[in-house]
Amino acid sequence: MIEQFNFDIRLIFAILNGKVSAAINRKLYRNFRQNGLDISPEQWTVLLFLWEKDGVTQQELCNATFKDKPSMTRLIDNMERQHLVVRIADKKDRRTNLIHLTKDGRELEEKTRLVTSRTLKEALKGITTDELKVSQEVLRKIFFNTKD
């Protein structure tokens, strides 16, 4: 089946090695800066999860954002320094810290949603809803075919 397609191998590898997501992340980073938001796209993915469900373990954040533990530790350390999140020992298990939003972290939600929404519109310019649906389905299949 695959043999019948005429692949643009450079495009396939650009997608597979993350060039598309890197380009979107750069655009999002610039848009955050232009709007006075001192956060990275990685930090935004953590905040996005916490806005939906505050007070979670570091492991839950790793699972939700597809990051390993050392990367997440570094990310949370930086976010604590910026007063966006705080680690609080779990009352049920003192060995576990729960990650909670601070007032500053909660207050970023509305402004970041506007910036991320605009960035997504810029990234998807000229793409029809049907094309987007097909692309999403194809990428979902590739992801599930290759995830461990």
C-alpha atoms as a PDB file:
ATOM      1  CA  MET A   1       0.000   0.000   0.000  1.00  0.00           C
ATOM      2  CA  ILE A   2       2.692   2.508   0.997  1.00  0.00           C
ATOM      3  CA  GLU A   3       4.653   1.836  -2.217  1.00  0.00           C
ATOM      4  CA  GLN A   4       1.937   3.538  -4.281  1.00  0.00           C
ATOM      5  CA  PHE A   5       2.596   6.933  -2.678  1.00  0.00           C
ATOM      6  CA  ASN A   6       5.240   9.325  -3.956  1.00  0.00           C
ATOM      7  CA  PHE A   7       6.819  10.470  -0.695  1.00  0.00           C
ATOM      8  CA  ASP A   8       8.636  13.742  -0.176  1.00  0.00           C
ATOM      9  CA  ILE A   9      11.191  12.035   2.049  1.00  0.00           C
ATOM     10  CA  ARG A  10      12.566  15.367   3.341  1.00  0.00           C
ATOM     11  CA  LEU A  11       9.093  16.404   4.465  1.00  0.00           C
ATOM     12  CA  ILE A  12       8.456  13.043   6.130  1.00  0.00           C
ATOM     13  CA  PHE A  13      11.717  13.287   8.084  1.00  0.00           C
ATOM     14  CA  ALA A  14      11.070  16.936   8.946  1.00  0.00           C
ATOM     15  CA  ILE A  15       7.791  15.858  10.525  1.00  0.00           C
ATOM     16  CA  LEU A  16       9.243  12.762  12.181  1.00  0.00           C
ATOM     17  CA  ASN A  17      12.287  14.457  13.676  1.00  0.00           C
ATOM     18  CA  GLY A  18      10.233  17.243  15.186  1.00  0.00           C
ATOM     19  CA  LYS A  19      10.948  20.177  12.880  1.00  0.00           C
ATOM     20  CA  VAL A  20       7.259  21.055  12.655  1.00  0.00           C
ATOM     21  CA  SER A  21       6.749  21.041  16.422  1.00  0.00           C
ATOM     22  CA  ALA A  22      10.049  22.921  16.884  1.00  0.00           C
ATOM     23  CA  ALA A  23       8.857  25.617  14.472  1.00  0.00           C
ATOM     24  CA  ILE A  24       5.519  25.920  16.281  1.00  0.00           C
ATOM     25  CA  ASN A  25       7.332  26.062  19.641  1.00  0.00           C
ATOM     26  CA  ARG A  26       9.609  28.859  18.383  1.00  0.00           C
ATOM     27  CA  LYS A  27       6.578  30.799  17.142  1.00  0.00           C
ATOM     28  CA  LEU A  28       4.752  30.251  20.440  1.00  0.00           C
ATOM     29  CA  TYR A  29       7.848  31.299  22.432  1.00  0.00           C
ATOM     30  CA  ARG A  30       8.128  34.528  20.379  1.00  0.00           C
ATOM     31  CA  ASN A  31       4.407  35.232  20.764  1.00  0.00           C
ATOM     32  CA  PHE A  32       4.636  34.704  24.539  1.00  0.00           C
ATOM     33  CA  ARG A  33       7.549  37.174  24.721  1.00  0.00           C
ATOM     34  CA  GLN A  34       5.804  39.754  22.518  1.00  0.00           C
ATOM     35  CA  ASN A  35       2.853  39.639  24.929  1.00  0.00           C
ATOM     36  CA  GLY A  36       4.959  40.021  28.072  1.00  0.00           C
ATOM     37  CA  LEU A  37       4.673  36.366  29.118  1.00  0.00           C
ATOM     38  CA  ASP A  38       7.906  35.010  30.603  1.00  0.00           C
ATOM     39  CA  ILE A  39       7.171  31.316  30.075  1.00  0.00           C
ATOM     40  CA  SER A  40       8.302  28.648  27.617  1.00  0.00           C
ATOM     41  CA  PRO A  41       6.036  26.375  25.574  1.00  0.00           C
ATOM     42  CA  GLU A  42       7.172  23.498  27.840  1.00  0.00           C
ATOM     43  CA  GLN A  43       6.093  25.425  30.928  1.00  0.00           C
ATOM     44  CA  TRP A  44       2.805  26.227  29.228  1.00  0.00           C
ATOM     45  CA  THR A  45       2.057  22.499  28.726  1.00  0.00           C
ATOM     46  CA  VAL A  46       2.540  21.966  32.487  1.00  0.00           C
ATOM     47  CA  LEU A  47       0.373  24.978  33.326  1.00  0.00           C
ATOM     48  CA  LEU A  48      -2.302  23.794  30.896  1.00  0.00           C
ATOM     49  CA  PHE A  49      -2.534  20.463  32.726  1.00  0.00           C
ATOM     50  CA  LEU A  50      -2.567  22.149  36.154  1.00  0.00           C
ATOM     51  CA  TRP A  51      -5.334  24.559  35.125  1.00  0.00           C
ATOM     52  CA  GLU A  52      -7.458  21.482  34.457  1.00  0.00           C
ATOM     53  CA  LYS A  53      -6.311  19.514  37.508  1.00  0.00           C
ATOM     54  CA  ASP A  54      -4.313  21.271  40.218  1.00  0.00           C
ATOM     55  CA  GLY A  55      -2.338  19.403  42.885  1.00  0.00           C
ATOM     56  CA  VAL A  56      -0.905  16.461  40.960  1.00  0.00           C
ATOM     57  CA  THR A  57       2.241  14.383  41.315  1.00  0.00           C
ATOM     58  CA  GLN A  58       5.313  14.995  39.236  1.00  0.00           C
ATOM     59  CA  GLN A  59       4.772  11.588  37.626  1.00  0.00           C
ATOM     60  CA  GLU A  60       1.284  12.609  36.463  1.00  0.00           C
ATOM     61  CA  LEU A  61       2.828  15.678  34.841  1.00  0.00           C
ATOM     62  CA  CYS A  62       5.499  13.490  33.185  1.00  0.00           C
ATOM     63  CA  ASN A  63       2.820  11.200  31.770  1.00  0.00           C
ATOM     64  CA  ALA A  64       0.631  14.081  30.572  1.00  0.00           C
ATOM     65  CA  THR A  65       3.465  15.972  28.854  1.00  0.00           C
ATOM     66  CA  PHE A  66       5.581  13.003  27.641  1.00  0.00           C
ATOM     67  CA  LYS A  67       8.615  14.251  29.590  1.00  0.00           C
ATOM     68  CA  ASP A  68      11.072  12.189  31.610  1.00  0.00           C
ATOM     69  CA  LYS A  69      11.526  12.734  35.350  1.00  0.00           C
ATOM     70  CA  PRO A  70      14.818  14.707  35.209  1.00  0.00           C
ATOM     71  CA  SER A  71      13.378  17.090  32.592  1.00  0.00           C
ATOM     72  CA  MET A  72      10.205  17.565  34.625  1.00  0.00           C
ATOM     73  CA  THR A  73      12.204  18.184  37.817  1.00  0.00           C
ATOM     74  CA  ARG A  74      14.189  20.907  36.040  1.00  0.00           C
ATOM     75  CA  LEU A  75      11.006  22.405  34.598  1.00  0.00           C
ATOM     76  CA  ILE A  76       9.247  22.490  37.973  1.00  0.00           C
ATOM     77  CA  ASP A  77      12.373  23.916  39.673  1.00  0.00           C
ATOM     78  CA  ASN A  78      12.339  26.792  37.172  1.00  0.00           C
ATOM     79  CA  MET A  79       8.598  27.295  37.550  1.00  0.00           C
ATOM     80  CA  GLU A  80       8.977  27.424  41.340  1.00  0.00           C
ATOM     81  CA  ARG A  81      11.679  30.092  40.970  1.00  0.00           C
ATOM     82  CA  GLN A  82       9.238  32.082  38.824  1.00  0.00           C
ATOM     83  CA  HIS A  83       6.520  31.624  41.509  1.00  0.00           C
ATOM     84  CA  LEU A  84       4.196  29.818  39.076  1.00  0.00           C
ATOM     85  CA  VAL A  85       3.963  26.549  41.029  1.00  0.00           C
ATOM     86  CA  VAL A  86       4.797  25.236  44.466  1.00  0.00           C
ATOM     87  CA  ARG A  87       5.613  21.736  45.701  1.00  0.00           C
ATOM     88  CA  ILE A  88       3.619  20.635  48.732  1.00  0.00           C
ATOM     89  CA  ALA A  89       4.161  17.308  50.496  1.00  0.00           C
ATOM     90  CA  ASP A  90       1.261  14.901  50.044  1.00  0.00           C
ATOM     91  CA  LYS A  91      -0.577  14.445  53.343  1.00  0.00           C
ATOM     92  CA  LYS A  92      -1.125  10.746  52.541  1.00  0.00           C
ATOM     93  CA  ASP A  93       2.480  10.056  51.512  1.00  0.00           C
ATOM     94  CA  ARG A  94       5.156  12.468  52.749  1.00  0.00           C
ATOM     95  CA  ARG A  95       7.633  11.079  50.179  1.00  0.00           C
ATOM     96  CA  THR A  96       5.505  12.486  47.365  1.00  0.00           C
ATOM     97  CA  ASN A  97       5.163  16.144  46.466  1.00  0.00           C
ATOM     98  CA  LEU A  98       2.050  17.492  44.834  1.00  0.00           C
ATOM     99  CA  ILE A  99       2.501  20.314  42.359  1.00  0.00           C
ATOM    100  CA  HIS A 100       0.110  23.224  42.906  1.00  0.00           C
ATOM    101  CA  LEU A 101      -0.430  26.440  41.000  1.00  0.00           C
ATOM    102  CA  THR A 102       0.335  29.699  42.756  1.00  0.00           C
ATOM    103  CA  LYS A 103      -1.798  32.816  42.329  1.00  0.00           C
ATOM    104  CA  ASP A 104       0.679  33.976  39.630  1.00  0.00           C
ATOM    105  CA  GLY A 105       0.371  30.632  37.827  1.00  0.00           C
ATOM    106  CA  ARG A 106      -3.422  30.779  37.864  1.00  0.00           C
ATOM    107  CA  GLU A 107      -3.436  34.370  36.627  1.00  0.00           C
ATOM    108  CA  LEU A 108      -1.525  33.427  33.443  1.00  0.00           C
ATOM    109  CA  GLU A 109      -4.333  31.243  32.132  1.00  0.00           C
ATOM    110  CA  GLU A 110      -6.461  33.780  30.279  1.00  0.00           C
ATOM    111  CA  LYS A 111      -3.601  35.669  28.617  1.00  0.00           C
ATOM    112  CA  THR A 112      -1.785  32.478  27.547  1.00  0.00           C
ATOM    113  CA  ARG A 113      -4.993  31.019  26.107  1.00  0.00           C
ATOM    114  CA  LEU A 114      -5.362  34.095  23.894  1.00  0.00           C
ATOM    115  CA  VAL A 115      -1.723  33.876  22.730  1.00  0.00           C
ATOM    116  CA  THR A 116      -1.792  30.106  22.113  1.00  0.00           C
ATOM    117  CA  SER A 117      -5.098  30.353  20.273  1.00  0.00           C
ATOM    118  CA  ARG A 118      -3.693  33.072  17.994  1.00  0.00           C
ATOM    119  CA  THR A 119      -0.482  31.059  17.447  1.00  0.00           C
ATOM    120  CA  LEU A 120      -2.487  27.985  16.470  1.00  0.00           C
ATOM    121  CA  LYS A 121      -4.553  30.053  14.020  1.00  0.00           C
ATOM    122  CA  GLU A 122      -1.317  31.350  12.473  1.00  0.00           C
ATOM    123  CA  ALA A 123       0.096  27.820  12.209  1.00  0.00           C
ATOM    124  CA  LEU A 124      -3.088  26.447  10.624  1.00  0.00           C
ATOM    125  CA  LYS A 125      -3.610  29.305   8.139  1.00  0.00           C
ATOM    126  CA  GLY A 126      -4.748  27.971   4.769  1.00  0.00           C
ATOM    127  CA  ILE A 127      -5.606  24.522   6.125  1.00  0.00           C
ATOM    128  CA  THR A 128      -9.209  23.375   5.791  1.00  0.00           C
ATOM    129  CA  THR A 129     -11.112  21.642   8.562  1.00  0.00           C
ATOM    130  CA  ASP A 130     -11.169  18.453   6.469  1.00  0.00           C
ATOM    131  CA  GLU A 131      -7.395  18.582   5.933  1.00  0.00           C
ATOM    132  CA  LEU A 132      -6.901  19.120   9.640  1.00  0.00           C
ATOM    133  CA  LYS A 133      -9.125  16.151  10.519  1.00  0.00           C
ATOM    134  CA  VAL A 134      -7.219  13.873   8.120  1.00  0.00           C
ATOM    135  CA  SER A 135      -3.834  15.125   9.395  1.00  0.00           C
ATOM    136  CA  GLN A 136      -4.865  14.611  12.993  1.00  0.00           C
ATOM    137  CA  GLU A 137      -6.027  11.076  12.279  1.00  0.00           C
ATOM    138  CA  VAL A 138      -2.844  10.215  10.360  1.00  0.00           C
ATOM    139  CA  LEU A 139      -0.578  11.599  13.106  1.00  0.00           C
ATOM    140  CA  ARG A 140      -2.614   9.773  15.749  1.00  0.00           C
ATOM    141  CA  LYS A 141      -2.127   6.499  13.853  1.00  0.00           C
ATOM    142  CA  ILE A 142       1.625   7.117  13.457  1.00  0.00           C
ATOM    143  CA  PHE A 143       1.879   7.909  17.159  1.00  0.00           C
ATOM    144  CA  PHE A 144       0.066   4.725  18.227  1.00  0.00           C
ATOM    145  CA  ASN A 145       2.008   2.611  15.706  1.00  0.00           C
ATOM    146  CA  THR A 146       5.299   3.778  17.160  1.00  0.00           C
ATOM    147  CA  LYS A 147       4.758   4.397  20.865  1.00  0.00           C
ATOM    148  CA  ASP A 148       6.249   1.831  23.198  1.00  0.00           C
END
